[in-house]
Amino acid sequence: MSARAKRKKEKLVVGVVSYGGGLVGWVRDGVESEFEKRFAVRHHIGPVRCIAAVARPEVIGRIRRVGNSAAAQAANNNAARAFMATGGQDETIQLYDLTRLKIIGNLHQHNNEVTALTFFRSKNLLSGDADGIINVWRCYDWQLLEGMTGHKGRVNCISVHPTGAMALSCSADKTVKLWNLLKCRCASTMKFPDEEKLVVNWSPSGTTYAILGRRDIEVSLPCTTAQDVLFRARMLALQYACVLTCCIDADACILPQRAHRYGRRNHQNACVSSSTPAPRTQAGQTHLHTCQTT
């Protein structure tokens, strides 16, 4: 099948979550089709704080080669599925199968509201809560592998390196932490005494990462000092921030759109991203998430 024919059959799912706890989805079956509203559900009790999705599921190779075991069957079933997850103030994570457009179940291991979610392919899901705890889940059976502690405030955002070996997280405690995911421990901490950071994101190649605050943006190389930041901009207020940095090798580091001006009539404050959710929802706001599947 040609690349053009594959593109025509690509399915695009747009999920919108709201302060009221609902999730609404529109689906487009191919580039020549129109968007249709396929589902509208409300599985959270209270506001939805974050949303994440994985577009191209991949399962762990050694699990797929096990044979006819239950683990192998579960892994093979997940091989052709795309997932979406939402985290709410009710301390739960709701899981959805985007291939079949149905709910999978929920996760209850957090003891406070879930404020950050991100997938690493379809192998792992990382979730952060208001207590500063980051949980690492295995996607093929949704088993909790580890709970990482270190932050002393709400986790605003998590971003996994493309290799899956490390991750960045930012918190209300005004720190950004680098995590060793192989050992599930904190490797280093960057302190920002002036303000908390809202979003962190790795570039697709993992050579750079970006940090977004309420008033500034930084793009850095791993292991660089504060004096060696590649790019830094500071403004009076980031009303609507959507940052894209490109290098010669076509590498890009994208920060999702996030507005900071709240008002009675400003009810279209949305987060648009393919992988990274906004750290927090305010009253009357929505989060928008797109996920492309095949």
C-alpha atoms as a PDB file:
ATOM      1  CA  MET A   1       0.000   0.000   0.000  1.00  0.00           C
ATOM      2  CA  SER A   2       1.384   3.403  -0.991  1.00  0.00           C
ATOM      3  CA  ALA A   3       2.046   6.157   1.527  1.00  0.00           C
ATOM      4  CA  ARG A   4      -0.770   8.194   0.006  1.00  0.00           C
ATOM      5  CA  ALA A   5      -3.237   5.318   0.371  1.00  0.00           C
ATOM      6  CA  LYS A   6      -2.200   4.773   3.992  1.00  0.00           C
ATOM      7  CA  ARG A   7      -2.682   8.464   4.727  1.00  0.00           C
ATOM      8  CA  LYS A   8      -6.207   8.317   3.312  1.00  0.00           C
ATOM      9  CA  LYS A   9      -7.070   5.548   5.797  1.00  0.00           C
ATOM     10  CA  GLU A  10      -5.536   7.207   8.854  1.00  0.00           C
ATOM     11  CA  LYS A  11      -8.028   7.771  11.627  1.00  0.00           C
ATOM     12  CA  LEU A  12      -7.890  11.025  13.568  1.00  0.00           C
ATOM     13  CA  VAL A  13      -9.494  11.130  17.018  1.00  0.00           C
ATOM     14  CA  VAL A  14     -10.094  14.449  18.787  1.00  0.00           C
ATOM     15  CA  GLY A  15     -10.864  14.215  22.489  1.00  0.00           C
ATOM     16  CA  VAL A  16     -12.108  17.139  24.597  1.00  0.00           C
ATOM     17  CA  VAL A  17     -12.344  16.967  28.391  1.00  0.00           C
ATOM     18  CA  SER A  18     -14.021  19.540  30.581  1.00  0.00           C
ATOM     19  CA  TYR A  19     -14.222  20.905  34.096  1.00  0.00           C
ATOM     20  CA  GLY A  20     -17.481  19.024  34.518  1.00  0.00           C
ATOM     21  CA  GLY A  21     -15.773  15.621  34.184  1.00  0.00           C
ATOM     22  CA  GLY A  22     -16.893  14.780  30.656  1.00  0.00           C
ATOM     23  CA  LEU A  23     -15.038  13.447  27.618  1.00  0.00           C
ATOM     24  CA  VAL A  24     -16.338  14.101  24.100  1.00  0.00           C
ATOM     25  CA  GLY A  25     -14.749  12.553  21.005  1.00  0.00           C
ATOM     26  CA  TRP A  26     -14.889  13.281  17.290  1.00  0.00           C
ATOM     27  CA  VAL A  27     -13.453  10.810  14.763  1.00  0.00           C
ATOM     28  CA  ARG A  28     -12.395  11.278  11.160  1.00  0.00           C
ATOM     29  CA  ASP A  29     -11.939   8.004   9.213  1.00  0.00           C
ATOM     30  CA  GLY A  30      -9.386   9.138   6.645  1.00  0.00           C
ATOM     31  CA  VAL A  31      -8.330  12.487   5.254  1.00  0.00           C
ATOM     32  CA  GLU A  32     -11.246  12.620   2.850  1.00  0.00           C
ATOM     33  CA  SER A  33     -13.866  12.036   5.554  1.00  0.00           C
ATOM     34  CA  GLU A  34     -15.643  14.512   7.786  1.00  0.00           C
ATOM     35  CA  PHE A  35     -15.424  14.601  11.580  1.00  0.00           C
ATOM     36  CA  GLU A  36     -18.265  12.821  13.347  1.00  0.00           C
ATOM     37  CA  LYS A  37     -19.124  12.894  17.024  1.00  0.00           C
ATOM     38  CA  ARG A  38     -18.724   9.271  18.147  1.00  0.00           C
ATOM     39  CA  PHE A  39     -18.805   9.342  21.931  1.00  0.00           C
ATOM     40  CA  ALA A  40     -19.681  11.528  24.897  1.00  0.00           C
ATOM     41  CA  VAL A  41     -19.086  10.048  28.341  1.00  0.00           C
ATOM     42  CA  ARG A  42     -18.660  11.172  31.922  1.00  0.00           C
ATOM     43  CA  HIS A  43     -16.665   8.720  34.011  1.00  0.00           C
ATOM     44  CA  HIS A  44     -14.956  11.211  36.351  1.00  0.00           C
ATOM     45  CA  ILE A  45     -16.625  12.651  39.419  1.00  0.00           C
ATOM     46  CA  GLY A  46     -15.482  16.259  39.270  1.00  0.00           C
ATOM     47  CA  PRO A  47     -13.076  18.161  37.010  1.00  0.00           C
ATOM     48  CA  VAL A  48     -10.699  16.440  34.571  1.00  0.00           C
ATOM     49  CA  ARG A  49      -7.168  17.719  35.146  1.00  0.00           C
ATOM     50  CA  CYS A  50      -5.196  16.119  32.299  1.00  0.00           C
ATOM     51  CA  ILE A  51      -5.432  13.984  29.167  1.00  0.00           C
ATOM     52  CA  ALA A  52      -2.928  11.945  27.144  1.00  0.00           C
ATOM     53  CA  ALA A  53      -3.015   9.523  24.217  1.00  0.00           C
ATOM     54  CA  VAL A  54      -0.724   7.168  22.326  1.00  0.00           C
ATOM     55  CA  ALA A  55      -1.184   7.009  18.583  1.00  0.00           C
ATOM     56  CA  ARG A  56       0.944   4.040  17.481  1.00  0.00           C
ATOM     57  CA  PRO A  57       0.799   1.187  19.978  1.00  0.00           C
ATOM     58  CA  GLU A  58       3.896  -0.975  20.365  1.00  0.00           C
ATOM     59  CA  VAL A  59       4.288  -3.841  22.806  1.00  0.00           C
ATOM     60  CA  ILE A  60       7.392  -5.231  24.441  1.00  0.00           C
ATOM     61  CA  GLY A  61       9.063  -7.722  22.120  1.00  0.00           C
ATOM     62  CA  ARG A  62       9.900 -10.346  24.722  1.00  0.00           C
ATOM     63  CA  ILE A  63       6.275 -10.401  25.875  1.00  0.00           C
ATOM     64  CA  ARG A  64       5.065 -11.029  22.327  1.00  0.00           C
ATOM     65  CA  ARG A  65       7.397 -14.022  21.965  1.00  0.00           C
ATOM     66  CA  VAL A  66       6.239 -15.787  25.119  1.00  0.00           C
ATOM     67  CA  GLY A  67       3.755 -17.983  23.256  1.00  0.00           C
ATOM     68  CA  ASN A  68       0.194 -18.787  24.255  1.00  0.00           C
ATOM     69  CA  SER A  69       0.440 -17.454  27.780  1.00  0.00           C
ATOM     70  CA  ALA A  70      -2.107 -14.979  29.102  1.00  0.00           C
ATOM     71  CA  ALA A  71       0.530 -12.242  29.067  1.00  0.00           C
ATOM     72  CA  ALA A  72       1.338 -12.927  25.417  1.00  0.00           C
ATOM     73  CA  GLN A  73      -2.339 -12.861  24.442  1.00  0.00           C
ATOM     74  CA  ALA A  74      -2.891  -9.585  26.282  1.00  0.00           C
ATOM     75  CA  ALA A  75       0.179  -8.063  24.620  1.00  0.00           C
ATOM     76  CA  ASN A  76      -0.916  -9.200  21.164  1.00  0.00           C
ATOM     77  CA  ASN A  77      -4.388  -7.770  21.726  1.00  0.00           C
ATOM     78  CA  ASN A  78      -2.836  -4.404  22.618  1.00  0.00           C
ATOM     79  CA  ALA A  79      -0.581  -4.454  19.560  1.00  0.00           C
ATOM     80  CA  ALA A  80      -3.320  -3.101  17.301  1.00  0.00           C
ATOM     81  CA  ARG A  81      -4.874  -0.670  19.775  1.00  0.00           C
ATOM     82  CA  ALA A  82      -4.432   3.007  20.581  1.00  0.00           C
ATOM     83  CA  PHE A  83      -5.097   4.363  24.054  1.00  0.00           C
ATOM     84  CA  MET A  84      -6.300   7.558  25.684  1.00  0.00           C
ATOM     85  CA  ALA A  85      -6.121   8.313  29.399  1.00  0.00           C
ATOM     86  CA  THR A  86      -7.690  11.050  31.501  1.00  0.00           C
ATOM     87  CA  GLY A  87      -6.869  12.050  35.068  1.00  0.00           C
ATOM     88  CA  GLY A  88      -9.261  13.784  37.392  1.00  0.00           C
ATOM     89  CA  GLN A  89      -9.827  15.458  40.705  1.00  0.00           C
ATOM     90  CA  ASP A  90     -11.488  12.225  41.861  1.00  0.00           C
ATOM     91  CA  GLU A  91      -7.993  10.627  42.122  1.00  0.00           C
ATOM     92  CA  THR A  92      -8.648   8.177  39.270  1.00  0.00           C
ATOM     93  CA  ILE A  93      -7.267   7.545  35.788  1.00  0.00           C
ATOM     94  CA  GLN A  94      -9.811   6.498  33.163  1.00  0.00           C
ATOM     95  CA  LEU A  95      -8.508   4.387  30.261  1.00  0.00           C
ATOM     96  CA  TYR A  96     -10.040   4.290  26.779  1.00  0.00           C
ATOM     97  CA  ASP A  97      -9.452   2.100  23.726  1.00  0.00           C
ATOM     98  CA  LEU A  98      -9.392   4.451  20.733  1.00  0.00           C
ATOM     99  CA  THR A  99      -9.359   1.589  18.225  1.00  0.00           C
ATOM    100  CA  ARG A 100     -12.635   0.152  19.509  1.00  0.00           C
ATOM    101  CA  LEU A 101     -13.900   3.458  20.973  1.00  0.00           C
ATOM    102  CA  LYS A 102     -14.752   1.971  24.362  1.00  0.00           C
ATOM    103  CA  ILE A 103     -13.624   2.342  27.957  1.00  0.00           C
ATOM    104  CA  ILE A 104     -11.051  -0.155  29.230  1.00  0.00           C
ATOM    105  CA  GLY A 105     -11.247   0.559  32.949  1.00  0.00           C
ATOM    106  CA  ASN A 106      -9.764   2.808  35.606  1.00  0.00           C
ATOM    107  CA  LEU A 107      -6.757   3.037  37.917  1.00  0.00           C
ATOM    108  CA  HIS A 108      -7.131   3.991  41.591  1.00  0.00           C
ATOM    109  CA  GLN A 109      -3.621   3.968  43.077  1.00  0.00           C
ATOM    110  CA  HIS A 110      -3.299   7.762  43.488  1.00  0.00           C
ATOM    111  CA  ASN A 111      -4.259   9.353  46.809  1.00  0.00           C
ATOM    112  CA  ASN A 112      -4.784  12.853  45.427  1.00  0.00           C
ATOM    113  CA  GLU A 113      -6.014  14.423  42.199  1.00  0.00           C
ATOM    114  CA  VAL A 114      -4.183  13.307  39.054  1.00  0.00           C
ATOM    115  CA  THR A 115      -2.583  16.352  37.421  1.00  0.00           C
ATOM    116  CA  ALA A 116      -0.227  14.989  34.739  1.00  0.00           C
ATOM    117  CA  LEU A 117      -0.267  12.089  32.272  1.00  0.00           C
ATOM    118  CA  THR A 118       2.001  10.951  29.459  1.00  0.00           C
ATOM    119  CA  PHE A 119       2.559   7.768  27.472  1.00  0.00           C
ATOM    120  CA  PHE A 120       5.829   6.232  26.352  1.00  0.00           C
ATOM    121  CA  ARG A 121       4.656   4.588  23.138  1.00  0.00           C
ATOM    122  CA  SER A 122       2.155   1.972  24.295  1.00  0.00           C
ATOM    123  CA  LYS A 123       4.628   0.389  26.698  1.00  0.00           C
ATOM    124  CA  ASN A 124       4.247   2.637  29.727  1.00  0.00           C
ATOM    125  CA  LEU A 125       2.018   5.321  31.183  1.00  0.00           C
ATOM    126  CA  LEU A 126       3.395   7.882  33.651  1.00  0.00           C
ATOM    127  CA  SER A 127       1.007   9.749  35.932  1.00  0.00           C
ATOM    128  CA  GLY A 128       1.634  12.538  38.444  1.00  0.00           C
ATOM    129  CA  ASP A 129      -0.585  13.811  41.236  1.00  0.00           C
ATOM    130  CA  ALA A 130      -1.019  16.781  43.570  1.00  0.00           C
ATOM    131  CA  ASP A 131       1.137  15.109  46.240  1.00  0.00           C
ATOM    132  CA  GLY A 132       4.159  15.137  43.921  1.00  0.00           C
ATOM    133  CA  ILE A 133       4.166  11.371  43.303  1.00  0.00           C
ATOM    134  CA  ILE A 134       4.832   9.974  39.807  1.00  0.00           C
ATOM    135  CA  ASN A 135       3.570   6.455  39.087  1.00  0.00           C
ATOM    136  CA  VAL A 136       4.912   4.251  36.288  1.00  0.00           C
ATOM    137  CA  TRP A 137       2.407   1.820  34.740  1.00  0.00           C
ATOM    138  CA  ARG A 138       2.850  -1.064  32.307  1.00  0.00           C
ATOM    139  CA  CYS A 139       0.323  -0.763  29.508  1.00  0.00           C
ATOM    140  CA  TYR A 140      -0.227  -4.335  28.427  1.00  0.00           C
ATOM    141  CA  ASP A 141      -1.767  -5.308  31.784  1.00  0.00           C
ATOM    142  CA  TRP A 142      -1.942  -1.855  33.463  1.00  0.00           C
ATOM    143  CA  GLN A 143       0.213  -3.011  36.359  1.00  0.00           C
ATOM    144  CA  LEU A 144       1.739  -0.380  38.648  1.00  0.00           C
ATOM    145  CA  LEU A 145       5.515  -0.860  38.396  1.00  0.00           C
ATOM    146  CA  GLU A 146       6.851   1.895  40.643  1.00  0.00           C
ATOM    147  CA  GLY A 147       5.946   5.054  42.485  1.00  0.00           C
ATOM    148  CA  MET A 148       8.629   7.754  42.310  1.00  0.00           C
ATOM    149  CA  THR A 149       8.795  10.415  45.025  1.00  0.00           C
ATOM    150  CA  GLY A 150      10.817  13.614  45.149  1.00  0.00           C
ATOM    151  CA  HIS A 151       8.567  16.531  44.310  1.00  0.00           C
ATOM    152  CA  LYS A 152       7.077  18.419  47.243  1.00  0.00           C
ATOM    153  CA  GLY A 153       4.192  19.909  45.312  1.00  0.00           C
ATOM    154  CA  ARG A 154       1.743  19.255  42.491  1.00  0.00           C
ATOM    155  CA  VAL A 155       3.224  17.651  39.359  1.00  0.00           C
ATOM    156  CA  ASN A 156       2.389  19.959  36.463  1.00  0.00           C
ATOM    157  CA  CYS A 157       3.802  18.039  33.511  1.00  0.00           C
ATOM    158  CA  ILE A 158       5.826  14.923  32.613  1.00  0.00           C
ATOM    159  CA  SER A 159       7.775  14.255  29.417  1.00  0.00           C
ATOM    160  CA  VAL A 160       9.532  10.974  28.596  1.00  0.00           C
ATOM    161  CA  HIS A 161      12.755  10.924  26.568  1.00  0.00           C
ATOM    162  CA  PRO A 162      12.361   9.207  23.150  1.00  0.00           C
ATOM    163  CA  THR A 163      14.584   6.348  24.353  1.00  0.00           C
ATOM    164  CA  GLY A 164      12.376   5.734  27.383  1.00  0.00           C
ATOM    165  CA  ALA A 165      15.414   5.752  29.674  1.00  0.00           C
ATOM    166  CA  MET A 166      14.657   9.053  31.403  1.00  0.00           C
ATOM    167  CA  ALA A 167      11.944  11.623  31.921  1.00  0.00           C
ATOM    168  CA  LEU A 168      11.527  15.252  32.924  1.00  0.00           C
ATOM    169  CA  SER A 169       8.885  16.591  35.285  1.00  0.00           C
ATOM    170  CA  CYS A 170       8.007  20.048  36.557  1.00  0.00           C
ATOM    171  CA  SER A 171       6.161  20.820  39.761  1.00  0.00           C
ATOM    172  CA  ALA A 172       4.536  23.507  41.864  1.00  0.00           C
ATOM    173  CA  ASP A 173       7.553  23.220  44.199  1.00  0.00           C
ATOM    174  CA  LYS A 174       9.463  25.318  41.607  1.00  0.00           C
ATOM    175  CA  THR A 175      11.724  22.487  40.484  1.00  0.00           C
ATOM    176  CA  VAL A 176      12.265  20.462  37.321  1.00  0.00           C
ATOM    177  CA  LYS A 177      13.506  16.931  37.944  1.00  0.00           C
ATOM    178  CA  LEU A 178      15.291  14.485  35.662  1.00  0.00           C
ATOM    179  CA  TRP A 179      14.295  10.875  36.374  1.00  0.00           C
ATOM    180  CA  ASN A 180      16.217   7.691  35.650  1.00  0.00           C
ATOM    181  CA  LEU A 181      13.414   5.412  34.501  1.00  0.00           C
ATOM    182  CA  LEU A 182      15.651   2.332  34.433  1.00  0.00           C
ATOM    183  CA  LYS A 183      16.141   2.604  38.201  1.00  0.00           C
ATOM    184  CA  CYS A 184      13.005   4.693  38.914  1.00  0.00           C
ATOM    185  CA  ARG A 185      14.833   7.348  40.904  1.00  0.00           C
ATOM    186  CA  CYS A 186      15.610  11.063  40.612  1.00  0.00           C
ATOM    187  CA  ALA A 187      18.889  11.729  38.805  1.00  0.00           C
ATOM    188  CA  SER A 188      19.081  15.515  39.172  1.00  0.00           C
ATOM    189  CA  THR A 189      17.049  18.575  40.156  1.00  0.00           C
ATOM    190  CA  MET A 190      16.898  22.044  38.624  1.00  0.00           C
ATOM    191  CA  LYS A 191      15.586  24.786  40.910  1.00  0.00           C
ATOM    192  CA  PHE A 192      13.692  27.850  39.707  1.00  0.00           C
ATOM    193  CA  PRO A 193      13.095  30.055  42.766  1.00  0.00           C
ATOM    194  CA  ASP A 194      11.266  32.790  40.854  1.00  0.00           C
ATOM    195  CA  GLU A 195       8.258  30.762  39.678  1.00  0.00           C
ATOM    196  CA  GLU A 196       6.969  27.272  39.050  1.00  0.00           C
ATOM    197  CA  LYS A 197       7.267  25.757  35.589  1.00  0.00           C
ATOM    198  CA  LEU A 198       4.128  24.613  33.822  1.00  0.00           C
ATOM    199  CA  VAL A 199       5.283  22.476  30.894  1.00  0.00           C
ATOM    200  CA  VAL A 200       8.373  20.444  29.977  1.00  0.00           C
ATOM    201  CA  ASN A 201       8.900  18.602  26.694  1.00  0.00           C
ATOM    202  CA  TRP A 202      11.675  16.682  24.947  1.00  0.00           C
ATOM    203  CA  SER A 203      12.357  17.140  21.270  1.00  0.00           C
ATOM    204  CA  PRO A 204      11.635  14.075  19.063  1.00  0.00           C
ATOM    205  CA  SER A 205      15.346  13.178  18.891  1.00  0.00           C
ATOM    206  CA  GLY A 206      15.962  13.845  22.578  1.00  0.00           C
ATOM    207  CA  THR A 207      18.827  16.256  21.937  1.00  0.00           C
ATOM    208  CA  THR A 208      17.033  19.261  23.425  1.00  0.00           C
ATOM    209  CA  TYR A 209      14.223  19.976  25.858  1.00  0.00           C
ATOM    210  CA  ALA A 210      12.031  22.996  26.501  1.00  0.00           C
ATOM    211  CA  ILE A 211      10.649  24.423  29.742  1.00  0.00           C
ATOM    212  CA  LEU A 212       7.688  26.800  29.836  1.00  0.00           C
ATOM    213  CA  GLY A 213       6.809  29.030  32.779  1.00  0.00           C
ATOM    214  CA  ARG A 214       4.181  31.696  33.203  1.00  0.00           C
ATOM    215  CA  ARG A 215       6.575  34.400  32.067  1.00  0.00           C
ATOM    216  CA  ASP A 216       9.512  32.705  30.349  1.00  0.00           C
ATOM    217  CA  ILE A 217      10.586  29.967  27.949  1.00  0.00           C
ATOM    218  CA  GLU A 218      13.885  28.054  27.891  1.00  0.00           C
ATOM    219  CA  VAL A 219      15.294  25.568  25.399  1.00  0.00           C
ATOM    220  CA  SER A 220      18.348  23.641  26.597  1.00  0.00           C
ATOM    221  CA  LEU A 221      20.646  20.736  25.874  1.00  0.00           C
ATOM    222  CA  PRO A 222      20.772  17.937  28.448  1.00  0.00           C
ATOM    223  CA  CYS A 223      23.415  18.479  31.144  1.00  0.00           C
ATOM    224  CA  THR A 224      23.899  22.168  30.310  1.00  0.00           C
ATOM    225  CA  THR A 225      24.287  24.832  32.959  1.00  0.00           C
ATOM    226  CA  ALA A 226      22.019  27.826  33.366  1.00  0.00           C
ATOM    227  CA  GLN A 227      24.594  29.926  31.489  1.00  0.00           C
ATOM    228  CA  ASP A 228      24.553  27.591  28.451  1.00  0.00           C
ATOM    229  CA  VAL A 229      20.832  27.632  27.660  1.00  0.00           C
ATOM    230  CA  LEU A 230      20.278  27.597  23.888  1.00  0.00           C
ATOM    231  CA  PHE A 231      17.324  29.958  23.983  1.00  0.00           C
ATOM    232  CA  ARG A 232      15.619  32.009  26.663  1.00  0.00           C
ATOM    233  CA  ALA A 233      12.801  34.535  26.377  1.00  0.00           C
ATOM    234  CA  ARG A 234      11.027  36.411  29.127  1.00  0.00           C
ATOM    235  CA  MET A 235       7.800  38.340  28.678  1.00  0.00           C
ATOM    236  CA  LEU A 236       5.388  40.196  30.902  1.00  0.00           C
ATOM    237  CA  ALA A 237       2.774  37.485  30.440  1.00  0.00           C
ATOM    238  CA  LEU A 238       2.404  34.509  28.122  1.00  0.00           C
ATOM    239  CA  GLN A 239      -1.218  34.957  27.100  1.00  0.00           C
ATOM    240  CA  TYR A 240      -1.113  32.211  24.474  1.00  0.00           C
ATOM    241  CA  ALA A 241       2.125  30.283  24.148  1.00  0.00           C
ATOM    242  CA  CYS A 242       2.836  27.737  21.447  1.00  0.00           C
ATOM    243  CA  VAL A 243       6.568  27.182  20.960  1.00  0.00           C
ATOM    244  CA  LEU A 244       8.340  25.297  18.196  1.00  0.00           C
ATOM    245  CA  THR A 245      12.127  25.152  17.824  1.00  0.00           C
ATOM    246  CA  CYS A 246      13.703  23.518  14.794  1.00  0.00           C
ATOM    247  CA  CYS A 247      17.319  22.545  14.089  1.00  0.00           C
ATOM    248  CA  ILE A 248      19.136  21.643  10.878  1.00  0.00           C
ATOM    249  CA  ASP A 249      18.475  17.936  11.447  1.00  0.00           C
ATOM    250  CA  ALA A 250      14.709  18.640  11.457  1.00  0.00           C
ATOM    251  CA  ASP A 251      14.550  18.065  15.188  1.00  0.00           C
ATOM    252  CA  ALA A 252      11.753  19.931  16.915  1.00  0.00           C
ATOM    253  CA  CYS A 253      10.759  20.625  20.470  1.00  0.00           C
ATOM    254  CA  ILE A 254       7.096  21.535  20.849  1.00  0.00           C
ATOM    255  CA  LEU A 255       5.336  22.995  23.851  1.00  0.00           C
ATOM    256  CA  PRO A 256       1.546  22.790  23.933  1.00  0.00           C
ATOM    257  CA  GLN A 257      -0.625  25.863  23.800  1.00  0.00           C
ATOM    258  CA  ARG A 258      -1.658  27.177  27.204  1.00  0.00           C
ATOM    259  CA  ALA A 259      -3.411  30.405  28.075  1.00  0.00           C
ATOM    260  CA  HIS A 260      -2.974  32.288  31.319  1.00  0.00           C
ATOM    261  CA  ARG A 261      -5.651  34.935  31.027  1.00  0.00           C
ATOM    262  CA  TYR A 262      -8.718  33.820  32.900  1.00  0.00           C
ATOM    263  CA  GLY A 263     -12.017  35.645  32.721  1.00  0.00           C
ATOM    264  CA  ARG A 264     -15.724  35.130  32.699  1.00  0.00           C
ATOM    265  CA  ARG A 265     -15.903  35.149  28.929  1.00  0.00           C
ATOM    266  CA  ASN A 266     -12.631  33.383  28.254  1.00  0.00           C
ATOM    267  CA  HIS A 267     -14.009  29.836  28.130  1.00  0.00           C
ATOM    268  CA  GLN A 268     -12.024  28.520  25.152  1.00  0.00           C
ATOM    269  CA  ASN A 269      -8.706  28.150  26.938  1.00  0.00           C
ATOM    270  CA  ALA A 270      -7.539  24.836  25.498  1.00  0.00           C
ATOM    271  CA  CYS A 271      -4.455  22.659  25.367  1.00  0.00           C
ATOM    272  CA  VAL A 272      -3.650  21.313  21.894  1.00  0.00           C
ATOM    273  CA  SER A 273      -0.979  18.640  21.762  1.00  0.00           C
ATOM    274  CA  SER A 274      -0.175  15.211  20.369  1.00  0.00           C
ATOM    275  CA  SER A 275       1.494  13.987  23.517  1.00  0.00           C
ATOM    276  CA  THR A 276       1.634  16.493  26.364  1.00  0.00           C
ATOM    277  CA  PRO A 277      -1.305  17.663  28.468  1.00  0.00           C
ATOM    278  CA  ALA A 278      -1.771  20.991  30.175  1.00  0.00           C
ATOM    279  CA  PRO A 279      -0.904  20.840  33.857  1.00  0.00           C
ATOM    280  CA  ARG A 280      -4.167  22.082  35.308  1.00  0.00           C
ATOM    281  CA  THR A 281      -7.746  22.961  34.408  1.00  0.00           C
ATOM    282  CA  GLN A 282      -9.548  26.042  35.621  1.00  0.00           C
ATOM    283  CA  ALA A 283     -13.303  26.459  35.961  1.00  0.00           C
ATOM    284  CA  GLY A 284     -15.078  26.804  32.637  1.00  0.00           C
ATOM    285  CA  GLN A 285     -12.120  25.532  30.604  1.00  0.00           C
ATOM    286  CA  THR A 286     -11.514  22.551  28.359  1.00  0.00           C
ATOM    287  CA  HIS A 287      -8.524  20.495  27.243  1.00  0.00           C
ATOM    288  CA  LEU A 288      -8.322  19.432  23.607  1.00  0.00           C
ATOM    289  CA  HIS A 289      -6.262  16.406  22.573  1.00  0.00           C
ATOM    290  CA  THR A 290      -5.724  14.940  19.107  1.00  0.00           C
ATOM    291  CA  CYS A 291      -4.530  11.423  18.393  1.00  0.00           C
ATOM    292  CA  GLN A 292      -3.862   9.887  14.980  1.00  0.00           C
ATOM    293  CA  THR A 293      -4.281   6.158  14.528  1.00  0.00           C
ATOM    294  CA  THR A 294      -4.150   3.825  11.591  1.00  0.00           C
END
